[in-house]
Every structure is written in structure tokens, then in C-alpha cells.
Amino acid sequence: MLAARALRDHVDHVTVVERDTYPDGPEPRKGVPQGRHAHILWSGGAEAIEALLPGTLDRLCAAGAHRIGVKEDMVLYSAYGWQHRFPGAHYALTCSRPLLDRTVREAALNHPGTDVLTRTEAHGLLGDRTSVTGVRVRTSGGPSRELAADIVVDATGRGSRLRHWLTDLGLPPATEESVDTGLTYATRVFRAPAGVPRPFPVVSVYADHRSGTPGRNGLLLPIEDDRWIITLSGTRGGEPTADDDGFAAFARSLRDPIIADLIEAAEPLTPVRTTRSTLNRRMHLDRLADRPEGLVALGDCVVAVNPIHGHGMSVAAQSARALETCLSRAGGLKPGLARTAQQAIAAVADAPWLLSASQDLCYPGNKSSVSDPRLTTQAAQRQGFADMVTSASLVNESVCDALTAVTTLTAPLSSLETPEFLAAMRQPARPPLTAAPLKDAEAAVLRAAK
């Protein structure tokens, strides 16, 4: 949807090829199988959506989404300990994925120059190794046909066939890197207890990636209609199961029982649902020496990161924004636009890819294929610096603010290497916390459950 909006002002007509159908309301759909799990939209991604579709954030909040201050409205137990709830300018939006999808979809399609072919799937590119001129599509139950286009954007996600389509055009395979921890997600939606403060904080308990054992994590997000979505996850050898009793037991096995206690206080609304589509994968289209004009790819198609880090939607939004910026600067579809846009999209995704892949490489049993020296020869040094910075951010407000700017995708990773940041590392810090930093009304929820 965001890619369609990015194109809209620079072409005569935009056609969205959609193999699924859209529900009338904010409901899960087959085409977004991960949509039942926890999703978070960091401020960097939210601002990109707002730039493309003004008013979207207000519409989301009016529909029940929560604006969460980072880290003020978060109870976070990281690998290094409890995080002080420092105030800051950064935020996240939490709501169900179906609500976010519907709100963005309604805004993006509210234009006479955009239409959708539902129950239709792309299954190949038109053109040759120098220029893509459209796609071959097939509507459910119908014959294959050709759809001509001046520009094709692949936003088909983790299941994209683009790498194979390019080789069908006679191009060499695009190089790929991957890190797969075998992470499994298990998610259940709950009714929040009556009288809980609104918004309830995001609550997260993360594994210690330095322990040499499988990582087990838990995350609670407040969403619309007084509900909590709770997602538990475990890397290879420590996966959660899909049964109700196992869900509660897994939550109890985390490094702190706070999420297990909150589960006991809430009313389950759905069964447990699982997914294993969580590997980090990067396809380097930006590095192709020979690449066709008229083709751009973005989102999980190009860089898919472990969803536990919460960057997927924000990277997709910023990628669409980067495409629109390149089109505006070029004055529309000009020679070289595809290459420029693909490089800009790669730059947007670089820091989230590095943050996710580098930490996931620490878990035992991961299956990786990486060539980036930052993840190979420089990995130990970079991870040591990351450990130092993240540990300091728990107790140092200036460090926390700078790191939060990076993790919410509102500042570049290089901002953590400036003299100003290194000076902030030496500023006075608060004492480490020894327990969850709950406010009185939040703690009362746990006391009522016991």
C-alpha cells in the first residue's frame, strides 16, 4: 500500500496486484499469515507513513491504537537488567496488525488513479536483462495474461520469487545473506483486566544472548479494544508450543515471571497460534552490476529481519518513503531511477539488518551464511561495543535517548560513534534497578492476580 502511494504522484495509474481479498473490517486475512502476532511500529516508521499518508496516525489512535513513549511507557528486562523508564521524544504505536493494515489501505487506495486486482498473483517479469516492462499475472481460476508497466515494485514479502525471476531474464543470481536462529513465535490475545491503567505499558522480557543457551523471550503489547497481545518466542532448542498449558508454562520459564503473572490476570480470547517465519535474510539487489531499468523491490522481499526486534514494518515504511523521495528528486521515472531507489532502500534497511543479524548470531544452533565483515571478522568487537552501550542505556538517560533514536529508526547507527555520544557515556548514571519499574496502578494488576 505504501509503495502504491509512493508511486502515485509520478505515474498516470497504479495497479496493485493482490493475490488475497480484503476484509471489510480490521480482521485477519490469509495473505498476512503473521498478522495474528505482535507488531510494533517505531516512530521512524510511523513518521514515514505520516509523510506519505498525512493524518494516518491520528486515525489509528482514534481507532484505538496506543502511542507508547519509549522508554517511558515500557517495562523492559533486557539481557543486561531492568531498564529505567526515562522520558524521551521517541515513541511506538501498538495495535493489531489488521487495524494498521485497514487504516493504511483505506488511505492509500482513496485515489482514482489507484486500483487493485484481487485474487491475482504475479508469476513472472516481462522484459529482458536491461529493462522490465511489466509482469505476467493470473487471476484465480483464469488464464495467464500480461500486465504492462513503466515500473514494477515487488513488495511480496518473504515469499517473493524475485531472485528466480531475475535469473529467468538472464541475470546472475543476486547474492544473499541469512541468519536463522530457528525462532518460533507463539501468540495469544487476552482481554485486559478491568481497571488497568490506559495505556498499559509494553512489557518485555528478553533472553540473555550471551548465555550460550537457547533464547526465550516474552512480549506484551496493549492493543485496541482493551486487549493485550502476548507473544512468546524461543530460538532453536527452546521453542514454545501451541497448547494453552504450554503457553503459560513457557511464560513462567522466562528470566522474570512478570508476563506469566499478567497472563494469570487476563482473560484469554483466542487459541495459541505459532509461526516459524522468522529468519534474517538479505538479498543484495543494490549490488547487481547489471540490473534492469523499471524494477524496484522493498520490504521483506529485500531485507527480512527477525520480527522479535520489531523493525519489519518500520523498514518497509521507510523504504517506501525512500522510493518516493528518489522519484521526486529525479522528477519521475528517469533512466537510473531503479538503481538509485534500490540503493536508497538498501541504506534504509542496513542498520536494522545489522542490529538483528549480529545479535542472532550469538545464539547456539543458528544457521548462518554471511559475508558482511561487520558480521564476521568485526563481529566480536561490534558486539562488545553493543553490549557496553546497551548496558549503559539502562541507567544513563543520555545514552538511552541516543540508543532509542537508533532502535526507533529516527537516527542513524553512526550517531553512536560521535564524540558527543562517547562523552554521554561518561555522564553520571542512576543506580541499577533490581526489580520491574512498575507504577502503583500497574503493580496493582499483579497483586490482584496473586
Protein backbone atom coordinates (compact mmCIF):
# COMPACT_ATOMS: atom_id res chain seq x y z
CA MET A 1 0.00 0.00 0.00
CA LEU A 2 2.77 2.45 0.86
CA ALA A 3 4.63 1.61 -2.35
CA ALA A 4 1.46 2.37 -4.30
CA ARG A 5 1.23 5.74 -2.56
CA ALA A 6 4.91 6.45 -3.24
CA LEU A 7 4.32 5.96 -6.97
CA ARG A 8 1.01 7.74 -7.26
CA ASP A 9 2.18 11.32 -7.90
CA HIS A 10 4.73 10.26 -10.51
CA VAL A 11 2.77 7.96 -12.85
CA ASP A 12 -0.60 8.04 -14.57
CA HIS A 13 -2.00 4.96 -12.88
CA VAL A 14 -1.04 2.45 -10.17
CA THR A 15 -2.26 -1.15 -10.17
CA VAL A 16 -1.84 -3.26 -7.04
CA VAL A 17 -1.62 -6.98 -7.81
CA GLU A 18 -3.07 -8.72 -4.74
CA ARG A 19 -3.45 -12.49 -4.51
CA ASP A 20 -5.72 -12.16 -1.46
CA THR A 21 -9.01 -10.33 -0.84
CA TYR A 22 -9.52 -7.53 1.65
CA PRO A 23 -11.96 -7.91 4.56
CA ASP A 24 -14.49 -5.18 5.29
CA GLY A 25 -13.10 -4.51 8.75
CA PRO A 26 -9.85 -4.89 10.72
CA GLU A 27 -9.82 -8.67 10.53
CA PRO A 28 -7.01 -11.19 9.97
CA ARG A 29 -6.63 -12.46 6.43
CA LYS A 30 -4.89 -15.34 4.72
CA GLY A 31 -2.49 -13.08 2.82
CA VAL A 32 -0.90 -11.83 6.06
CA PRO A 33 -0.25 -15.08 7.95
CA GLN A 34 1.92 -13.30 10.53
CA GLY A 35 -0.84 -10.77 11.19
CA ARG A 36 -2.07 -12.51 14.34
CA HIS A 37 1.24 -11.95 16.12
CA ALA A 38 2.58 -8.89 17.93
CA HIS A 39 3.58 -5.96 15.74
CA ILE A 40 5.10 -2.66 16.77
CA LEU A 41 5.53 0.47 14.65
CA TRP A 42 8.50 2.55 15.79
CA SER A 43 8.40 6.33 15.45
CA GLY A 44 10.78 6.26 12.47
CA GLY A 45 8.33 4.06 10.56
CA ALA A 46 5.28 5.94 11.84
CA GLU A 47 6.66 9.25 10.63
CA ALA A 48 7.38 7.73 7.21
CA ILE A 49 3.75 6.59 6.96
CA GLU A 50 2.55 10.01 8.05
CA ALA A 51 4.70 11.71 5.41
CA LEU A 52 3.18 9.52 2.71
CA LEU A 53 -0.38 9.48 4.08
CA PRO A 54 -0.98 12.54 6.31
CA GLY A 55 -3.50 12.01 9.08
CA THR A 56 -2.95 8.25 9.31
CA LEU A 57 -1.51 8.35 12.84
CA ASP A 58 -4.49 10.33 14.14
CA ARG A 59 -6.87 7.85 12.50
CA LEU A 60 -5.03 4.94 14.07
CA CYS A 61 -5.15 6.48 17.54
CA ALA A 62 -8.85 7.34 17.10
CA ALA A 63 -9.46 3.67 16.27
CA GLY A 64 -7.79 2.53 19.48
CA ALA A 65 -4.06 2.29 18.75
CA HIS A 66 -1.79 3.29 21.63
CA ARG A 67 1.04 5.79 21.40
CA ILE A 68 3.74 4.38 23.70
CA GLY A 69 6.57 6.56 24.96
CA VAL A 70 9.95 4.87 24.53
CA LYS A 71 11.15 4.06 27.20
CA GLU A 72 8.74 5.93 29.48
CA ASP A 73 5.80 3.62 28.83
CA MET A 74 7.81 0.38 28.71
CA VAL A 75 8.73 -2.18 31.35
CA LEU A 76 11.79 -3.78 29.80
CA TYR A 77 14.00 -6.55 31.14
CA SER A 78 16.92 -6.81 28.74
CA ALA A 79 19.89 -9.14 28.69
CA TYR A 80 21.64 -6.63 30.95
CA GLY A 81 18.89 -5.94 33.51
CA TRP A 82 15.86 -3.72 34.08
CA GLN A 83 15.57 -0.51 32.08
CA HIS A 84 14.86 2.79 33.85
CA ARG A 85 11.73 4.37 32.36
CA PHE A 86 13.38 7.51 31.07
CA PRO A 87 11.15 10.05 29.27
CA GLY A 88 12.04 10.80 25.67
CA ALA A 89 10.87 12.17 22.35
CA HIS A 90 10.61 8.76 20.70
CA TYR A 91 7.52 6.60 20.58
CA ALA A 92 5.91 3.47 19.19
CA LEU A 93 2.39 2.72 18.03
CA THR A 94 0.83 -0.53 19.18
CA CYS A 95 -2.33 -2.02 17.73
CA SER A 96 -3.35 -5.18 15.93
CA ARG A 97 -1.82 -5.72 12.51
CA PRO A 98 -5.31 -5.91 10.90
CA LEU A 99 -6.20 -2.45 12.26
CA LEU A 100 -2.97 -0.97 10.94
CA ASP A 101 -3.44 -2.65 7.55
CA ARG A 102 -7.02 -1.45 7.14
CA THR A 103 -6.21 2.13 8.14
CA VAL A 104 -3.26 2.39 5.77
CA ARG A 105 -5.14 0.58 2.99
CA GLU A 106 -8.14 2.92 3.13
CA ALA A 107 -5.89 5.97 2.93
CA ALA A 108 -3.66 4.59 0.18
CA LEU A 109 -6.48 3.43 -2.07
CA ASN A 110 -8.53 6.62 -1.67
CA HIS A 111 -7.44 7.91 -5.07
CA PRO A 112 -8.95 7.49 -8.55
CA GLY A 113 -5.53 6.69 -10.02
CA THR A 114 -5.06 3.54 -7.94
CA ASP A 115 -6.88 0.23 -8.27
CA VAL A 116 -6.45 -3.35 -7.07
CA LEU A 117 -6.57 -6.69 -8.85
CA THR A 118 -7.65 -9.07 -6.09
CA ARG A 119 -7.27 -12.87 -6.25
CA THR A 120 -4.48 -12.18 -8.73
CA GLU A 121 -0.89 -13.34 -8.47
CA ALA A 122 2.24 -12.23 -10.32
CA HIS A 123 4.27 -15.18 -11.57
CA GLY A 124 6.98 -13.64 -13.73
CA LEU A 125 8.52 -10.49 -15.16
CA LEU A 126 8.19 -9.13 -18.68
CA GLY A 127 11.20 -7.68 -20.44
CA ASP A 128 14.85 -8.64 -20.56
CA ARG A 129 18.08 -8.19 -18.60
CA THR A 130 18.16 -4.46 -19.41
CA SER A 131 14.55 -3.43 -18.82
CA VAL A 132 11.47 -4.78 -17.04
CA THR A 133 8.29 -3.83 -18.89
CA GLY A 134 5.61 -5.48 -16.76
CA VAL A 135 4.52 -8.71 -15.12
CA ARG A 136 2.71 -11.89 -16.03
CA VAL A 137 -0.33 -12.33 -13.78
CA ARG A 138 -3.01 -14.92 -13.27
CA THR A 139 -6.36 -14.33 -11.61
CA SER A 140 -7.68 -17.26 -9.59
CA GLY A 141 -9.26 -19.75 -11.99
CA GLY A 142 -8.31 -17.73 -15.05
CA PRO A 143 -5.62 -17.79 -17.74
CA SER A 144 -2.25 -16.09 -17.55
CA ARG A 145 -2.05 -12.61 -19.04
CA GLU A 146 0.46 -9.82 -19.41
CA LEU A 147 0.24 -6.56 -17.50
CA ALA A 148 2.43 -3.83 -18.99
CA ALA A 149 4.03 -1.26 -16.70
CA ASP A 150 6.61 1.52 -16.77
CA ILE A 151 7.80 0.46 -13.30
CA VAL A 152 7.27 -2.73 -11.29
CA VAL A 153 7.66 -2.75 -7.49
CA ASP A 154 7.99 -6.12 -5.77
CA ALA A 155 6.51 -5.85 -2.28
CA THR A 156 5.50 -9.51 -1.97
CA GLY A 157 7.43 -10.12 1.25
CA ARG A 158 9.34 -13.18 2.43
CA GLY A 159 7.75 -15.40 -0.21
CA SER A 160 8.97 -13.30 -3.14
CA ARG A 161 10.12 -15.17 -6.25
CA LEU A 162 12.12 -12.21 -7.49
CA ARG A 163 15.51 -13.89 -7.29
CA HIS A 164 14.30 -16.63 -9.66
CA TRP A 165 12.52 -14.17 -11.93
CA LEU A 166 15.76 -12.25 -12.41
CA THR A 167 17.66 -15.37 -13.42
CA ASP A 168 14.83 -16.13 -15.88
CA LEU A 169 15.73 -12.81 -17.54
CA GLY A 170 19.33 -13.99 -17.92
CA LEU A 171 20.78 -12.06 -14.96
CA PRO A 172 23.21 -13.64 -12.49
CA PRO A 173 21.73 -14.57 -9.11
CA ALA A 174 21.65 -11.78 -6.56
CA THR A 175 23.80 -12.63 -3.55
CA GLU A 176 22.02 -13.41 -0.30
CA GLU A 177 22.96 -13.48 3.37
CA SER A 178 20.97 -15.13 6.13
CA VAL A 179 20.97 -15.82 9.86
CA ASP A 180 18.38 -18.29 11.11
CA THR A 181 18.01 -18.90 14.84
CA GLY A 182 15.06 -21.25 14.34
CA LEU A 183 12.96 -18.80 16.35
CA THR A 184 9.35 -19.89 16.88
CA TYR A 185 6.58 -17.46 17.82
CA ALA A 186 3.54 -18.36 19.92
CA THR A 187 0.84 -15.72 20.35
CA ARG A 188 -2.41 -15.37 22.22
CA VAL A 189 -4.77 -12.40 22.60
CA PHE A 190 -6.23 -11.59 26.03
CA ARG A 191 -8.83 -9.26 27.47
CA ALA A 192 -7.02 -6.89 29.83
CA PRO A 193 -8.23 -6.97 33.43
CA ALA A 194 -10.88 -4.42 34.36
CA GLY A 195 -9.49 -1.19 35.69
CA VAL A 196 -5.97 -1.46 34.27
CA PRO A 197 -4.32 1.90 33.56
CA ARG A 198 -4.51 3.07 29.94
CA PRO A 199 -2.34 2.77 28.11
CA PHE A 200 -0.84 -0.19 29.89
CA PRO A 201 2.92 -0.27 29.31
CA VAL A 202 4.62 -2.53 26.83
CA VAL A 203 6.17 -5.33 28.90
CA SER A 204 9.08 -7.35 27.55
CA VAL A 205 11.41 -9.96 28.95
CA TYR A 206 14.35 -10.80 26.69
CA ALA A 207 16.83 -13.63 26.79
CA ASP A 208 20.50 -13.09 27.58
CA HIS A 209 22.11 -13.74 24.20
CA ARG A 210 25.49 -14.10 25.96
CA SER A 211 24.45 -17.15 27.99
CA GLY A 212 25.17 -19.78 25.34
CA THR A 213 21.69 -21.27 25.79
CA PRO A 214 18.58 -21.04 23.60
CA GLY A 215 16.90 -17.66 23.86
CA ARG A 216 13.42 -17.41 25.39
CA ASN A 217 11.51 -14.13 25.21
CA GLY A 218 8.13 -12.66 26.07
CA LEU A 219 6.33 -9.52 24.92
CA LEU A 220 3.04 -7.93 25.95
CA LEU A 221 1.58 -5.18 23.78
CA PRO A 222 -1.60 -3.25 24.61
CA ILE A 223 -3.83 -3.04 21.52
CA GLU A 224 -7.26 -1.66 20.69
CA ASP A 225 -10.49 -2.67 22.46
CA ASP A 226 -8.86 -3.20 25.87
CA ARG A 227 -6.88 -6.20 24.69
CA TRP A 228 -3.36 -7.45 25.18
CA ILE A 229 -1.48 -9.39 22.56
CA ILE A 230 1.18 -11.59 24.17
CA THR A 231 3.84 -13.19 22.02
CA LEU A 232 6.34 -15.70 23.40
CA SER A 233 9.33 -16.82 21.35
CA GLY A 234 12.23 -19.22 21.57
CA THR A 235 15.25 -19.97 19.42
CA ARG A 236 16.22 -23.46 18.20
CA GLY A 237 16.12 -25.85 21.16
CA GLY A 238 13.91 -23.57 23.26
CA GLU A 239 10.75 -23.16 21.17
CA PRO A 240 7.29 -22.56 22.69
CA THR A 241 4.42 -24.91 21.86
CA ALA A 242 0.91 -24.20 20.59
CA ASP A 243 -1.08 -25.59 23.55
CA ASP A 244 -2.65 -23.41 26.23
CA ASP A 245 -0.91 -25.02 29.21
CA GLY A 246 2.42 -24.96 27.42
CA PHE A 247 1.98 -21.26 26.67
CA ALA A 248 1.57 -20.41 30.35
CA ALA A 249 4.42 -22.71 31.37
CA PHE A 250 6.76 -21.17 28.79
CA ALA A 251 5.97 -17.69 30.09
CA ARG A 252 6.78 -18.92 33.60
CA SER A 253 10.16 -20.16 32.37
CA LEU A 254 11.37 -16.72 31.27
CA ARG A 255 14.09 -14.88 33.17
CA ASP A 256 11.40 -12.99 35.11
CA PRO A 257 7.80 -14.14 35.80
CA ILE A 258 6.12 -10.77 35.17
CA ILE A 259 4.47 -11.81 31.88
CA ALA A 260 3.33 -15.13 33.35
CA ASP A 261 1.73 -13.22 36.24
CA LEU A 262 -0.02 -10.85 33.83
CA ILE A 263 -1.34 -13.82 31.86
CA GLU A 264 -2.98 -15.09 35.04
CA ALA A 265 -4.66 -11.70 35.50
CA ALA A 266 -6.14 -11.60 31.98
CA GLU A 267 -8.91 -13.43 30.09
CA PRO A 268 -7.81 -15.44 27.02
CA LEU A 269 -9.74 -14.58 23.86
CA THR A 270 -8.01 -16.70 21.22
CA PRO A 271 -6.20 -20.01 20.96
CA VAL A 272 -2.40 -20.05 20.78
CA ARG A 273 -1.06 -19.57 17.26
CA THR A 274 2.51 -20.18 16.15
CA THR A 275 4.81 -19.25 13.29
CA ARG A 276 8.37 -20.10 12.29
CA SER A 277 8.83 -17.48 9.56
CA THR A 278 11.45 -15.52 11.45
CA LEU A 279 14.86 -15.80 9.80
CA ASN A 280 17.02 -12.80 8.87
CA ARG A 281 17.57 -12.71 5.10
CA ARG A 282 19.08 -10.03 2.88
CA MET A 283 19.09 -10.02 -0.92
CA HIS A 284 21.65 -7.61 -2.36
CA LEU A 285 19.83 -6.25 -5.39
CA ASP A 286 21.68 -2.99 -4.83
CA ARG A 287 24.97 -4.73 -5.67
CA LEU A 288 23.98 -6.13 -9.06
CA ALA A 289 26.41 -4.84 -11.66
CA ASP A 290 23.81 -5.36 -14.36
CA ARG A 291 20.29 -4.62 -13.30
CA PRO A 292 17.21 -3.83 -15.38
CA GLU A 293 15.52 -0.46 -15.51
CA GLY A 294 11.93 -0.39 -14.35
CA LEU A 295 12.23 -2.72 -11.34
CA VAL A 296 12.40 -1.90 -7.63
CA ALA A 297 11.94 -4.20 -4.63
CA LEU A 298 11.33 -3.28 -0.99
CA GLY A 299 10.19 -4.62 2.36
CA ASP A 300 10.74 -8.23 3.42
CA CYS A 301 11.35 -9.13 -0.22
CA VAL A 302 14.76 -7.42 0.07
CA VAL A 303 15.58 -7.43 3.78
CA ALA A 304 13.62 -9.60 6.21
CA VAL A 305 14.69 -9.25 9.84
CA ASN A 306 13.81 -11.36 12.85
CA PRO A 307 10.42 -9.96 13.96
CA ILE A 308 11.41 -10.10 17.61
CA HIS A 309 13.33 -6.85 17.06
CA GLY A 310 10.19 -5.15 15.73
CA HIS A 311 11.74 -3.40 12.73
CA GLY A 312 9.98 -5.02 9.77
CA MET A 313 7.05 -2.64 9.30
CA SER A 314 9.14 0.45 10.01
CA VAL A 315 11.78 -0.59 7.46
CA ALA A 316 9.06 -1.20 4.88
CA ALA A 317 7.54 2.23 5.56
CA GLN A 318 10.89 3.99 5.34
CA SER A 319 11.70 2.07 2.15
CA ALA A 320 8.50 3.31 0.51
CA ARG A 321 9.36 6.82 1.66
CA ALA A 322 12.84 6.45 0.14
CA LEU A 323 11.28 5.38 -3.17
CA GLU A 324 9.02 8.44 -3.19
CA THR A 325 11.95 10.72 -2.36
CA CYS A 326 14.01 9.32 -5.23
CA LEU A 327 11.10 9.78 -7.64
CA SER A 328 10.63 13.38 -6.51
CA ARG A 329 14.31 14.23 -6.84
CA ALA A 330 14.53 12.64 -10.28
CA GLY A 331 11.35 14.30 -11.49
CA GLY A 332 9.63 10.99 -12.12
CA LEU A 333 10.62 7.83 -13.98
CA LYS A 334 14.02 8.70 -15.43
CA PRO A 335 16.92 6.46 -16.52
CA GLY A 336 18.81 5.22 -13.47
CA LEU A 337 15.86 5.70 -11.11
CA ALA A 338 15.59 1.99 -10.30
CA ARG A 339 19.24 1.72 -9.30
CA THR A 340 19.16 4.92 -7.22
CA ALA A 341 15.99 3.84 -5.43
CA GLN A 342 17.30 0.34 -4.74
CA GLN A 343 20.46 1.77 -3.19
CA ALA A 344 18.39 4.14 -1.03
CA ILE A 345 16.21 1.22 0.12
CA ALA A 346 19.33 -0.80 0.96
CA ALA A 347 20.63 2.11 3.05
CA VAL A 348 17.36 2.32 4.99
CA ALA A 349 17.49 -1.39 5.83
CA ASP A 350 21.19 -1.60 6.68
CA ALA A 351 21.11 -0.72 10.39
CA PRO A 352 18.09 -2.93 11.24
CA TRP A 353 19.72 -5.80 9.36
CA LEU A 354 22.98 -5.35 11.24
CA LEU A 355 21.32 -4.99 14.66
CA SER A 356 19.19 -8.09 14.18
CA ALA A 357 21.69 -10.38 12.48
CA SER A 358 24.58 -9.56 14.82
CA GLN A 359 22.62 -10.41 17.95
CA ASP A 360 21.06 -13.54 16.45
CA LEU A 361 24.49 -14.87 15.55
CA CYS A 362 25.12 -15.19 19.30
CA TYR A 363 22.51 -17.91 19.81
CA PRO A 364 23.54 -21.58 19.73
CA GLY A 365 22.28 -23.63 16.83
CA ASN A 366 21.89 -20.70 14.46
CA LYS A 367 22.31 -21.47 10.77
CA SER A 368 24.03 -18.61 9.01
CA SER A 369 25.51 -17.65 5.68
CA VAL A 370 27.03 -14.18 5.92
CA SER A 371 29.82 -12.38 4.13
CA ASP A 372 29.45 -8.89 5.63
CA PRO A 373 32.72 -8.27 7.54
CA ARG A 374 30.71 -6.47 10.23
CA LEU A 375 29.17 -9.87 10.97
CA THR A 376 32.34 -11.93 10.55
CA THR A 377 35.80 -10.51 11.27
CA GLN A 378 34.42 -7.46 13.12
CA ALA A 379 31.60 -9.27 14.92
CA ALA A 380 33.21 -9.70 18.34
CA GLN A 381 34.35 -6.08 18.51
CA ARG A 382 30.99 -4.73 17.41
CA GLN A 383 29.07 -6.98 19.80
CA GLY A 384 31.30 -5.90 22.67
CA PHE A 385 30.54 -2.24 21.90
CA ALA A 386 26.81 -3.03 21.62
CA ASP A 387 26.88 -4.78 24.99
CA MET A 388 28.58 -1.79 26.58
CA VAL A 389 26.18 0.76 25.09
CA THR A 390 23.03 -1.21 25.84
CA SER A 391 24.12 -1.87 29.39
CA ALA A 392 24.85 1.85 29.93
CA SER A 393 21.46 2.82 28.44
CA LEU A 394 19.65 1.10 31.32
CA VAL A 395 20.90 3.69 33.80
CA ASN A 396 22.16 6.65 31.74
CA GLU A 397 19.41 8.86 30.34
CA SER A 398 21.53 10.48 27.62
CA VAL A 399 22.78 7.12 26.37
CA CYS A 400 19.26 5.72 26.50
CA ASP A 401 17.93 8.60 24.41
CA ALA A 402 20.65 8.20 21.79
CA LEU A 403 20.23 4.42 21.57
CA THR A 404 16.45 4.75 21.44
CA ALA A 405 16.79 7.11 18.47
CA VAL A 406 18.66 4.35 16.65
CA THR A 407 16.32 1.49 17.59
CA THR A 408 13.22 3.52 16.65
CA LEU A 409 14.89 4.28 13.28
CA THR A 410 14.92 8.03 13.82
CA ALA A 411 18.72 8.35 13.88
CA PRO A 412 21.50 6.52 12.02
CA LEU A 413 23.65 3.87 13.64
CA SER A 414 26.65 6.14 13.12
CA SER A 415 25.23 8.54 15.73
CA LEU A 416 26.54 6.13 18.37
CA GLU A 417 30.11 6.80 17.23
CA THR A 418 30.21 10.59 17.59
CA PRO A 419 32.33 12.45 20.19
CA GLU A 420 29.09 13.76 21.75
CA PHE A 421 27.79 10.25 22.31
CA LEU A 422 31.07 8.99 23.71
CA ALA A 423 31.01 11.94 26.12
CA ALA A 424 27.48 10.99 27.15
CA MET A 425 28.75 7.52 28.05
CA ARG A 426 30.78 9.16 30.83
CA GLN A 427 27.89 11.11 32.36
CA PRO A 428 26.52 10.20 35.81
CA ALA A 429 24.09 7.33 35.90
CA ARG A 430 21.29 6.13 38.14
CA PRO A 431 21.68 3.05 40.32
CA PRO A 432 20.73 -0.23 38.57
CA LEU A 433 17.19 -1.43 39.15
CA THR A 434 16.68 -4.69 40.99
CA ALA A 435 13.00 -5.20 40.10
CA ALA A 436 10.49 -4.25 37.44
CA PRO A 437 9.89 -0.46 37.45
CA LEU A 438 6.12 -0.64 37.82
CA LYS A 439 3.94 2.31 38.75
CA ASP A 440 1.46 1.78 41.59
CA ALA A 441 -1.56 1.18 39.34
CA GLU A 442 0.44 -1.27 37.21
CA ALA A 443 1.71 -3.18 40.22
CA ALA A 444 -1.86 -3.44 41.50
CA VAL A 445 -2.72 -5.57 38.45
CA LEU A 446 -0.12 -8.13 39.51
CA ARG A 447 -1.19 -8.05 43.16
CA ALA A 448 -4.80 -8.71 42.15
CA ALA A 449 -3.73 -11.78 40.19
CA LYS A 450 -1.98 -13.42 43.16
